[in-house]
């Protein structure tokens, strides 16, 4: 008898998980919590890269408001420690600290993650959010001849996420728990207009699939997901003319950019116990852009 493709695929997954991990199946179910507690991060240590600005800052703020025990901001900016101190004044229930780190340097990532674990004992949630945008237009433009923009994009948006995954993944495996969340983009799903962003789109498609693939590799000890934001009012588009931004808004069914806090709530869901059965998925928060 021929096994249906879906059944055959499911059997392969079960076989893989059974061979990769020694746990008996089925694994234990989580304890039922009150819904208001499911979305809290009580006693959790959460880390956000790119946490000093934009969406990353909104995520860190959201985690602190959700009662995270510790919120760590990692950023390349010189003022990340001061930003963390200011955020602490608003959220006195969480310990909020900042670490300066260039995520494109694997040795810095390893040292920073190990320092966080050493200082706070663990890492429960890690958001790989740090990224840069493409500003040099069409790939055939003369200014792209030296590949510096391409290399920087790959180093930060792709390699940086990979480095973070390797070092925090070891902590998750040791502790047999953890949530790893990657910032992808609606650009991972479509070639968005009116801007020419081909290299950026490539990096975001790559990390979206990295999340899906890691979800299978880490299924025995951690959850891995991604969030794909649409256009968001983070200040990165402030250099564009209002008429150009008007074109952007006209392509979004809700007629505007997101505010950072509207994006951050998706990360809270994935970081919290409310998403205990969610792994290998991507959440689009794009105002309907990719629906049309």
C-alpha atoms as a PDB file:
ATOM      1  CA  UNK A   1       0.000   0.000   0.000  1.00  0.00           C
ATOM      2  CA  UNK A   2       1.293   3.464  -0.898  1.00  0.00           C
ATOM      3  CA  UNK A   3       1.556   5.797   2.061  1.00  0.00           C
ATOM      4  CA  UNK A   4      -0.028   9.203   1.329  1.00  0.00           C
ATOM      5  CA  UNK A   5       2.546  11.947   1.008  1.00  0.00           C
ATOM      6  CA  UNK A   6       1.322  13.879   4.060  1.00  0.00           C
ATOM      7  CA  UNK A   7       1.294  10.733   6.195  1.00  0.00           C
ATOM      8  CA  UNK A   8       4.733   9.772   4.947  1.00  0.00           C
ATOM      9  CA  UNK A   9       6.014  13.257   5.768  1.00  0.00           C
ATOM     10  CA  UNK A  10       4.528  13.098   9.254  1.00  0.00           C
ATOM     11  CA  UNK A  11       6.141   9.726   9.866  1.00  0.00           C
ATOM     12  CA  UNK A  12       9.506  11.126   8.799  1.00  0.00           C
ATOM     13  CA  UNK A  13       9.147  14.010  11.260  1.00  0.00           C
ATOM     14  CA  UNK A  14       8.183  11.713  14.138  1.00  0.00           C
ATOM     15  CA  UNK A  15      11.045   9.383  13.239  1.00  0.00           C
ATOM     16  CA  UNK A  16      13.480  12.306  13.146  1.00  0.00           C
ATOM     17  CA  UNK A  17      12.367  13.727  16.478  1.00  0.00           C
ATOM     18  CA  UNK A  18      12.418  10.291  18.098  1.00  0.00           C
ATOM     19  CA  UNK A  19      15.964   9.629  16.909  1.00  0.00           C
ATOM     20  CA  UNK A  20      17.225  13.139  17.654  1.00  0.00           C
ATOM     21  CA  UNK A  21      15.818  13.295  21.179  1.00  0.00           C
ATOM     22  CA  UNK A  22      15.485  10.540  23.732  1.00  0.00           C
ATOM     23  CA  UNK A  23      12.180  11.731  25.192  1.00  0.00           C
ATOM     24  CA  UNK A  24       9.296   9.318  25.101  1.00  0.00           C
ATOM     25  CA  UNK A  25       6.376  10.446  22.980  1.00  0.00           C
ATOM     26  CA  UNK A  26       4.008  12.029  23.590  1.00  0.00           C
ATOM     27  CA  UNK A  27       5.841  14.625  25.631  1.00  0.00           C
ATOM     28  CA  UNK A  28       4.218  16.142  28.733  1.00  0.00           C
ATOM     29  CA  UNK A  29       1.539  18.766  28.225  1.00  0.00           C
ATOM     30  CA  UNK A  30       2.045  22.245  29.707  1.00  0.00           C
ATOM     31  CA  UNK A  31       0.159  23.293  32.798  1.00  0.00           C
ATOM     32  CA  UNK A  32      -3.043  25.227  32.117  1.00  0.00           C
ATOM     33  CA  UNK A  33      -2.762  28.869  33.187  1.00  0.00           C
ATOM     34  CA  UNK A  34      -5.269  31.688  33.447  1.00  0.00           C
ATOM     35  CA  UNK A  35      -5.286  33.557  30.155  1.00  0.00           C
ATOM     36  CA  UNK A  36      -4.127  36.790  31.796  1.00  0.00           C
ATOM     37  CA  UNK A  37      -1.041  34.971  33.072  1.00  0.00           C
ATOM     38  CA  UNK A  38      -0.253  33.320  29.746  1.00  0.00           C
ATOM     39  CA  UNK A  39       0.906  36.609  28.257  1.00  0.00           C
ATOM     40  CA  UNK A  40       3.135  37.572  31.180  1.00  0.00           C
ATOM     41  CA  UNK A  41       6.899  37.067  31.194  1.00  0.00           C
ATOM     42  CA  UNK A  42       7.229  36.769  34.955  1.00  0.00           C
ATOM     43  CA  UNK A  43      10.646  35.427  36.034  1.00  0.00           C
ATOM     44  CA  UNK A  44      11.916  35.376  32.442  1.00  0.00           C
ATOM     45  CA  UNK A  45      15.167  36.866  31.154  1.00  0.00           C
ATOM     46  CA  UNK A  46      14.564  38.369  27.720  1.00  0.00           C
ATOM     47  CA  UNK A  47      17.157  39.711  25.273  1.00  0.00           C
ATOM     48  CA  UNK A  48      16.480  41.978  22.284  1.00  0.00           C
ATOM     49  CA  UNK A  49      19.121  42.856  19.702  1.00  0.00           C
ATOM     50  CA  UNK A  50      18.704  46.209  18.002  1.00  0.00           C
ATOM     51  CA  UNK A  51      16.953  47.150  21.222  1.00  0.00           C
ATOM     52  CA  UNK A  52      17.918  50.806  21.456  1.00  0.00           C
ATOM     53  CA  UNK A  53      15.708  52.048  18.619  1.00  0.00           C
ATOM     54  CA  UNK A  54      12.518  51.458  16.662  1.00  0.00           C
ATOM     55  CA  UNK A  55      10.821  48.089  16.794  1.00  0.00           C
ATOM     56  CA  UNK A  56      13.518  46.639  19.047  1.00  0.00           C
ATOM     57  CA  UNK A  57      12.983  49.339  21.658  1.00  0.00           C
ATOM     58  CA  UNK A  58       9.211  48.806  21.477  1.00  0.00           C
ATOM     59  CA  UNK A  59       9.727  45.067  22.011  1.00  0.00           C
ATOM     60  CA  UNK A  60      11.924  45.676  25.050  1.00  0.00           C
ATOM     61  CA  UNK A  61       9.366  48.117  26.472  1.00  0.00           C
ATOM     62  CA  UNK A  62       6.572  45.614  25.848  1.00  0.00           C
ATOM     63  CA  UNK A  63       8.492  42.812  27.575  1.00  0.00           C
ATOM     64  CA  UNK A  64       9.118  45.012  30.596  1.00  0.00           C
ATOM     65  CA  UNK A  65       5.425  45.924  30.780  1.00  0.00           C
ATOM     66  CA  UNK A  66       4.694  42.178  30.685  1.00  0.00           C
ATOM     67  CA  UNK A  67       6.669  41.772  33.922  1.00  0.00           C
ATOM     68  CA  UNK A  68       9.846  40.226  32.542  1.00  0.00           C
ATOM     69  CA  UNK A  69      12.356  39.774  35.333  1.00  0.00           C
ATOM     70  CA  UNK A  70      15.216  41.062  33.182  1.00  0.00           C
ATOM     71  CA  UNK A  71      15.191  42.805  29.806  1.00  0.00           C
ATOM     72  CA  UNK A  72      18.532  43.120  28.026  1.00  0.00           C
ATOM     73  CA  UNK A  73      19.005  45.566  25.162  1.00  0.00           C
ATOM     74  CA  UNK A  74      21.818  44.692  22.757  1.00  0.00           C
ATOM     75  CA  UNK A  75      22.732  47.352  20.246  1.00  0.00           C
ATOM     76  CA  UNK A  76      25.661  48.722  18.255  1.00  0.00           C
ATOM     77  CA  UNK A  77      24.826  52.300  19.226  1.00  0.00           C
ATOM     78  CA  UNK A  78      27.007  54.034  21.797  1.00  0.00           C
ATOM     79  CA  UNK A  79      24.047  55.057  23.944  1.00  0.00           C
ATOM     80  CA  UNK A  80      22.476  51.633  24.505  1.00  0.00           C
ATOM     81  CA  UNK A  81      23.343  51.682  28.217  1.00  0.00           C
ATOM     82  CA  UNK A  82      21.742  55.118  28.639  1.00  0.00           C
ATOM     83  CA  UNK A  83      18.663  54.021  26.665  1.00  0.00           C
ATOM     84  CA  UNK A  84      18.279  51.035  28.997  1.00  0.00           C
ATOM     85  CA  UNK A  85      18.571  53.305  32.024  1.00  0.00           C
ATOM     86  CA  UNK A  86      15.842  55.596  30.687  1.00  0.00           C
ATOM     87  CA  UNK A  87      13.576  52.626  30.005  1.00  0.00           C
ATOM     88  CA  UNK A  88      14.161  51.455  33.580  1.00  0.00           C
ATOM     89  CA  UNK A  89      12.637  54.679  34.905  1.00  0.00           C
ATOM     90  CA  UNK A  90       9.375  53.840  33.125  1.00  0.00           C
ATOM     91  CA  UNK A  91       9.340  50.138  34.006  1.00  0.00           C
ATOM     92  CA  UNK A  92      10.511  49.817  37.597  1.00  0.00           C
ATOM     93  CA  UNK A  93       9.361  46.214  37.945  1.00  0.00           C
ATOM     94  CA  UNK A  94      12.001  44.856  35.555  1.00  0.00           C
ATOM     95  CA  UNK A  95      15.761  45.057  35.619  1.00  0.00           C
ATOM     96  CA  UNK A  96      16.717  46.614  32.287  1.00  0.00           C
ATOM     97  CA  UNK A  97      20.320  46.725  31.104  1.00  0.00           C
ATOM     98  CA  UNK A  98      22.148  47.515  27.885  1.00  0.00           C
ATOM     99  CA  UNK A  99      25.078  45.802  26.183  1.00  0.00           C
ATOM    100  CA  UNK A 100      26.961  47.282  23.252  1.00  0.00           C
ATOM    101  CA  UNK A 101      27.662  44.628  20.628  1.00  0.00           C
ATOM    102  CA  UNK A 102      28.210  44.374  16.885  1.00  0.00           C
ATOM    103  CA  UNK A 103      26.139  41.333  15.920  1.00  0.00           C
ATOM    104  CA  UNK A 104      28.089  40.969  12.678  1.00  0.00           C
ATOM    105  CA  UNK A 105      31.115  39.896  14.758  1.00  0.00           C
ATOM    106  CA  UNK A 106      30.682  36.340  16.016  1.00  0.00           C
ATOM    107  CA  UNK A 107      33.224  36.727  18.812  1.00  0.00           C
ATOM    108  CA  UNK A 108      31.371  39.766  20.178  1.00  0.00           C
ATOM    109  CA  UNK A 109      28.059  37.925  20.011  1.00  0.00           C
ATOM    110  CA  UNK A 110      29.474  34.927  21.864  1.00  0.00           C
ATOM    111  CA  UNK A 111      31.067  37.092  24.551  1.00  0.00           C
ATOM    112  CA  UNK A 112      27.912  39.165  25.049  1.00  0.00           C
ATOM    113  CA  UNK A 113      25.549  36.202  25.272  1.00  0.00           C
ATOM    114  CA  UNK A 114      27.866  34.395  27.683  1.00  0.00           C
ATOM    115  CA  UNK A 115      28.120  37.546  29.816  1.00  0.00           C
ATOM    116  CA  UNK A 116      24.334  37.852  29.989  1.00  0.00           C
ATOM    117  CA  UNK A 117      23.979  34.225  31.050  1.00  0.00           C
ATOM    118  CA  UNK A 118      26.719  34.665  33.635  1.00  0.00           C
ATOM    119  CA  UNK A 119      25.137  37.809  35.101  1.00  0.00           C
ATOM    120  CA  UNK A 120      21.510  36.665  35.154  1.00  0.00           C
ATOM    121  CA  UNK A 121      21.812  32.883  35.264  1.00  0.00           C
ATOM    122  CA  UNK A 122      19.907  32.115  32.084  1.00  0.00           C
ATOM    123  CA  UNK A 123      18.270  33.422  28.916  1.00  0.00           C
ATOM    124  CA  UNK A 124      14.636  32.458  28.341  1.00  0.00           C
ATOM    125  CA  UNK A 125      13.712  34.626  25.358  1.00  0.00           C
ATOM    126  CA  UNK A 126      15.974  35.939  22.619  1.00  0.00           C
ATOM    127  CA  UNK A 127      14.806  38.291  19.877  1.00  0.00           C
ATOM    128  CA  UNK A 128      17.214  38.554  16.931  1.00  0.00           C
ATOM    129  CA  UNK A 129      15.985  41.909  15.707  1.00  0.00           C
ATOM    130  CA  UNK A 130      19.096  43.913  14.761  1.00  0.00           C
ATOM    131  CA  UNK A 131      19.171  44.844  11.096  1.00  0.00           C
ATOM    132  CA  UNK A 132      20.125  47.460   8.549  1.00  0.00           C
ATOM    133  CA  UNK A 133      18.280  48.729   5.497  1.00  0.00           C
ATOM    134  CA  UNK A 134      19.319  48.916   1.856  1.00  0.00           C
ATOM    135  CA  UNK A 135      19.869  52.513   0.759  1.00  0.00           C
ATOM    136  CA  UNK A 136      21.663  52.236  -2.589  1.00  0.00           C
ATOM    137  CA  UNK A 137      18.763  51.392  -4.885  1.00  0.00           C
ATOM    138  CA  UNK A 138      18.956  49.178  -7.939  1.00  0.00           C
ATOM    139  CA  UNK A 139      21.641  46.502  -7.663  1.00  0.00           C
ATOM    140  CA  UNK A 140      23.139  47.550 -11.009  1.00  0.00           C
ATOM    141  CA  UNK A 141      23.803  51.094  -9.801  1.00  0.00           C
ATOM    142  CA  UNK A 142      27.446  52.153 -10.030  1.00  0.00           C
ATOM    143  CA  UNK A 143      27.613  52.832  -6.301  1.00  0.00           C
ATOM    144  CA  UNK A 144      27.085  49.111  -5.670  1.00  0.00           C
ATOM    145  CA  UNK A 145      30.203  48.087  -7.601  1.00  0.00           C
ATOM    146  CA  UNK A 146      32.321  47.623  -4.471  1.00  0.00           C
ATOM    147  CA  UNK A 147      29.740  45.322  -2.818  1.00  0.00           C
ATOM    148  CA  UNK A 148      30.154  47.108   0.526  1.00  0.00           C
ATOM    149  CA  UNK A 149      26.407  47.684   0.955  1.00  0.00           C
ATOM    150  CA  UNK A 150      25.652  44.071   0.030  1.00  0.00           C
ATOM    151  CA  UNK A 151      28.286  42.719   2.422  1.00  0.00           C
ATOM    152  CA  UNK A 152      27.105  44.888   5.306  1.00  0.00           C
ATOM    153  CA  UNK A 153      23.525  43.773   4.768  1.00  0.00           C
ATOM    154  CA  UNK A 154      24.511  40.108   4.781  1.00  0.00           C
ATOM    155  CA  UNK A 155      26.800  40.528   7.788  1.00  0.00           C
ATOM    156  CA  UNK A 156      24.140  42.147   9.974  1.00  0.00           C
ATOM    157  CA  UNK A 157      20.791  40.862   8.718  1.00  0.00           C
ATOM    158  CA  UNK A 158      21.769  37.254   8.050  1.00  0.00           C
ATOM    159  CA  UNK A 159      25.102  36.390   9.656  1.00  0.00           C
ATOM    160  CA  UNK A 160      24.217  38.315  12.809  1.00  0.00           C
ATOM    161  CA  UNK A 161      21.042  36.284  13.298  1.00  0.00           C
ATOM    162  CA  UNK A 162      22.941  33.058  12.636  1.00  0.00           C
ATOM    163  CA  UNK A 163      25.602  33.926  15.215  1.00  0.00           C
ATOM    164  CA  UNK A 164      22.959  34.745  17.811  1.00  0.00           C
ATOM    165  CA  UNK A 165      21.150  31.478  17.135  1.00  0.00           C
ATOM    166  CA  UNK A 166      24.288  29.384  17.627  1.00  0.00           C
ATOM    167  CA  UNK A 167      25.273  30.794  20.993  1.00  0.00           C
ATOM    168  CA  UNK A 168      21.874  31.254  22.600  1.00  0.00           C
ATOM    169  CA  UNK A 169      20.746  27.913  21.165  1.00  0.00           C
ATOM    170  CA  UNK A 170      23.357  26.167  23.283  1.00  0.00           C
ATOM    171  CA  UNK A 171      21.892  27.787  26.391  1.00  0.00           C
ATOM    172  CA  UNK A 172      18.388  26.745  25.377  1.00  0.00           C
ATOM    173  CA  UNK A 173      19.567  23.181  24.811  1.00  0.00           C
ATOM    174  CA  UNK A 174      21.287  23.090  28.195  1.00  0.00           C
ATOM    175  CA  UNK A 175      18.172  24.397  29.943  1.00  0.00           C
ATOM    176  CA  UNK A 176      15.749  22.421  27.744  1.00  0.00           C
ATOM    177  CA  UNK A 177      13.635  25.520  27.154  1.00  0.00           C
ATOM    178  CA  UNK A 178      13.656  28.826  25.317  1.00  0.00           C
ATOM    179  CA  UNK A 179      11.986  30.984  22.689  1.00  0.00           C
ATOM    180  CA  UNK A 180      14.011  32.356  19.775  1.00  0.00           C
ATOM    181  CA  UNK A 181      12.274  35.011  17.674  1.00  0.00           C
ATOM    182  CA  UNK A 182      13.666  36.447  14.451  1.00  0.00           C
ATOM    183  CA  UNK A 183      12.626  39.717  12.866  1.00  0.00           C
ATOM    184  CA  UNK A 184      11.935  38.960   9.215  1.00  0.00           C
ATOM    185  CA  UNK A 185       9.810  41.321   7.100  1.00  0.00           C
ATOM    186  CA  UNK A 186       6.891  41.411   4.714  1.00  0.00           C
ATOM    187  CA  UNK A 187       9.783  41.743   2.242  1.00  0.00           C
ATOM    188  CA  UNK A 188      10.473  38.066   2.951  1.00  0.00           C
ATOM    189  CA  UNK A 189       7.122  37.267   1.348  1.00  0.00           C
ATOM    190  CA  UNK A 190       6.944  39.665  -1.588  1.00  0.00           C
ATOM    191  CA  UNK A 191       9.040  42.108  -3.603  1.00  0.00           C
ATOM    192  CA  UNK A 192       7.639  45.260  -2.069  1.00  0.00           C
ATOM    193  CA  UNK A 193       7.316  48.551  -3.890  1.00  0.00           C
ATOM    194  CA  UNK A 194       7.827  51.471  -4.471  1.00  0.00           C
ATOM    195  CA  UNK A 195      11.431  51.087  -3.221  1.00  0.00           C
ATOM    196  CA  UNK A 196      14.165  48.942  -4.794  1.00  0.00           C
ATOM    197  CA  UNK A 197      15.162  46.630  -1.945  1.00  0.00           C
ATOM    198  CA  UNK A 198      16.266  43.393  -3.602  1.00  0.00           C
ATOM    199  CA  UNK A 199      19.240  42.631  -1.292  1.00  0.00           C
ATOM    200  CA  UNK A 200      17.185  43.476   1.800  1.00  0.00           C
ATOM    201  CA  UNK A 201      14.386  41.216   0.600  1.00  0.00           C
ATOM    202  CA  UNK A 202      16.901  38.404   0.139  1.00  0.00           C
ATOM    203  CA  UNK A 203      18.210  38.664   3.709  1.00  0.00           C
ATOM    204  CA  UNK A 204      14.730  38.693   5.191  1.00  0.00           C
ATOM    205  CA  UNK A 205      13.588  35.706   3.147  1.00  0.00           C
ATOM    206  CA  UNK A 206      16.692  33.897   4.361  1.00  0.00           C
ATOM    207  CA  UNK A 207      16.099  34.526   8.061  1.00  0.00           C
ATOM    208  CA  UNK A 208      12.419  33.635   7.765  1.00  0.00           C
ATOM    209  CA  UNK A 209      13.433  30.230   6.473  1.00  0.00           C
ATOM    210  CA  UNK A 210      16.208  30.028   9.053  1.00  0.00           C
ATOM    211  CA  UNK A 211      13.522  30.289  11.731  1.00  0.00           C
ATOM    212  CA  UNK A 212      11.456  27.542  10.158  1.00  0.00           C
ATOM    213  CA  UNK A 213      14.480  25.261   9.815  1.00  0.00           C
ATOM    214  CA  UNK A 214      15.751  25.897  13.343  1.00  0.00           C
ATOM    215  CA  UNK A 215      12.284  25.125  14.677  1.00  0.00           C
ATOM    216  CA  UNK A 216      12.756  21.549  13.492  1.00  0.00           C
ATOM    217  CA  UNK A 217      16.369  21.283  14.666  1.00  0.00           C
ATOM    218  CA  UNK A 218      15.476  22.591  18.122  1.00  0.00           C
ATOM    219  CA  UNK A 219      12.057  20.960  18.475  1.00  0.00           C
ATOM    220  CA  UNK A 220      13.171  18.969  21.498  1.00  0.00           C
ATOM    221  CA  UNK A 221      14.137  21.942  23.625  1.00  0.00           C
ATOM    222  CA  UNK A 222      13.042  25.326  22.236  1.00  0.00           C
ATOM    223  CA  UNK A 223      10.578  27.157  20.021  1.00  0.00           C
ATOM    224  CA  UNK A 224      11.666  29.242  17.026  1.00  0.00           C
ATOM    225  CA  UNK A 225       9.443  31.669  15.131  1.00  0.00           C
ATOM    226  CA  UNK A 226       9.660  34.865  13.118  1.00  0.00           C
ATOM    227  CA  UNK A 227       7.705  38.088  12.824  1.00  0.00           C
ATOM    228  CA  UNK A 228       7.340  39.884   9.488  1.00  0.00           C
ATOM    229  CA  UNK A 229       6.575  43.575  10.035  1.00  0.00           C
ATOM    230  CA  UNK A 230       5.285  45.784   7.269  1.00  0.00           C
ATOM    231  CA  UNK A 231       5.999  49.483   6.909  1.00  0.00           C
ATOM    232  CA  UNK A 232       6.552  50.895  10.383  1.00  0.00           C
ATOM    233  CA  UNK A 233       7.022  54.440  11.630  1.00  0.00           C
ATOM    234  CA  UNK A 234      10.444  53.979  13.238  1.00  0.00           C
ATOM    235  CA  UNK A 235      12.127  57.033  11.768  1.00  0.00           C
ATOM    236  CA  UNK A 236      14.042  55.055   9.149  1.00  0.00           C
ATOM    237  CA  UNK A 237      11.820  56.459   6.404  1.00  0.00           C
ATOM    238  CA  UNK A 238      11.909  60.062   7.586  1.00  0.00           C
ATOM    239  CA  UNK A 239      14.397  60.958   4.847  1.00  0.00           C
ATOM    240  CA  UNK A 240      11.793  60.135   2.197  1.00  0.00           C
ATOM    241  CA  UNK A 241       9.538  62.873   0.865  1.00  0.00           C
ATOM    242  CA  UNK A 242       5.939  62.985   2.036  1.00  0.00           C
ATOM    243  CA  UNK A 243       4.740  62.349  -1.519  1.00  0.00           C
ATOM    244  CA  UNK A 244       6.882  59.209  -1.711  1.00  0.00           C
ATOM    245  CA  UNK A 245       5.676  58.005   1.667  1.00  0.00           C
ATOM    246  CA  UNK A 246       2.163  58.727   0.452  1.00  0.00           C
ATOM    247  CA  UNK A 247       2.711  56.123  -2.257  1.00  0.00           C
ATOM    248  CA  UNK A 248       3.721  53.650   0.449  1.00  0.00           C
ATOM    249  CA  UNK A 249       0.634  54.386   2.518  1.00  0.00           C
ATOM    250  CA  UNK A 250      -1.625  54.009  -0.512  1.00  0.00           C
ATOM    251  CA  UNK A 251      -0.393  50.437  -1.003  1.00  0.00           C
ATOM    252  CA  UNK A 252      -1.302  49.415   2.547  1.00  0.00           C
ATOM    253  CA  UNK A 253      -5.015  48.534   2.924  1.00  0.00           C
ATOM    254  CA  UNK A 254      -5.229  50.216   6.340  1.00  0.00           C
ATOM    255  CA  UNK A 255      -3.730  53.362   4.792  1.00  0.00           C
ATOM    256  CA  UNK A 256      -0.808  54.028   7.125  1.00  0.00           C
ATOM    257  CA  UNK A 257       2.407  52.712   8.622  1.00  0.00           C
ATOM    258  CA  UNK A 258       2.347  50.713  11.841  1.00  0.00           C
ATOM    259  CA  UNK A 259       3.394  52.210  15.127  1.00  0.00           C
ATOM    260  CA  UNK A 260       6.201  50.183  16.755  1.00  0.00           C
ATOM    261  CA  UNK A 261       4.018  49.084  19.691  1.00  0.00           C
ATOM    262  CA  UNK A 262       1.592  47.490  17.222  1.00  0.00           C
ATOM    263  CA  UNK A 263       4.415  45.264  15.999  1.00  0.00           C
ATOM    264  CA  UNK A 264       5.796  44.501  19.463  1.00  0.00           C
ATOM    265  CA  UNK A 265       2.663  42.708  20.654  1.00  0.00           C
ATOM    266  CA  UNK A 266       3.309  39.877  18.185  1.00  0.00           C
ATOM    267  CA  UNK A 267       6.694  39.309  19.799  1.00  0.00           C
ATOM    268  CA  UNK A 268       5.112  39.208  23.242  1.00  0.00           C
ATOM    269  CA  UNK A 269       2.787  36.453  22.077  1.00  0.00           C
ATOM    270  CA  UNK A 270       5.696  34.392  20.742  1.00  0.00           C
ATOM    271  CA  UNK A 271       7.814  35.044  23.832  1.00  0.00           C
ATOM    272  CA  UNK A 272       5.077  34.078  26.265  1.00  0.00           C
ATOM    273  CA  UNK A 273       3.486  30.801  27.296  1.00  0.00           C
ATOM    274  CA  UNK A 274       0.432  31.785  25.251  1.00  0.00           C
ATOM    275  CA  UNK A 275       2.297  30.400  22.228  1.00  0.00           C
ATOM    276  CA  UNK A 276       3.564  27.197  23.864  1.00  0.00           C
ATOM    277  CA  UNK A 277       2.410  25.117  20.857  1.00  0.00           C
ATOM    278  CA  UNK A 278       3.645  27.577  18.230  1.00  0.00           C
ATOM    279  CA  UNK A 279       6.949  26.906  16.495  1.00  0.00           C
ATOM    280  CA  UNK A 280       8.177  27.174  12.930  1.00  0.00           C
ATOM    281  CA  UNK A 281       5.675  29.868  12.037  1.00  0.00           C
ATOM    282  CA  UNK A 282       5.851  33.458  10.824  1.00  0.00           C
ATOM    283  CA  UNK A 283       3.474  36.205  11.916  1.00  0.00           C
ATOM    284  CA  UNK A 284       2.785  38.929   9.368  1.00  0.00           C
ATOM    285  CA  UNK A 285       1.992  42.336  10.858  1.00  0.00           C
ATOM    286  CA  UNK A 286       1.683  44.409   7.702  1.00  0.00           C
ATOM    287  CA  UNK A 287      -1.686  46.154   7.671  1.00  0.00           C
ATOM    288  CA  UNK A 288      -2.854  43.800   4.925  1.00  0.00           C
ATOM    289  CA  UNK A 289      -0.074  44.693   2.453  1.00  0.00           C
ATOM    290  CA  UNK A 290       0.658  41.098   1.432  1.00  0.00           C
ATOM    291  CA  UNK A 291      -3.039  40.186   1.242  1.00  0.00           C
ATOM    292  CA  UNK A 292      -3.547  42.108  -2.008  1.00  0.00           C
END
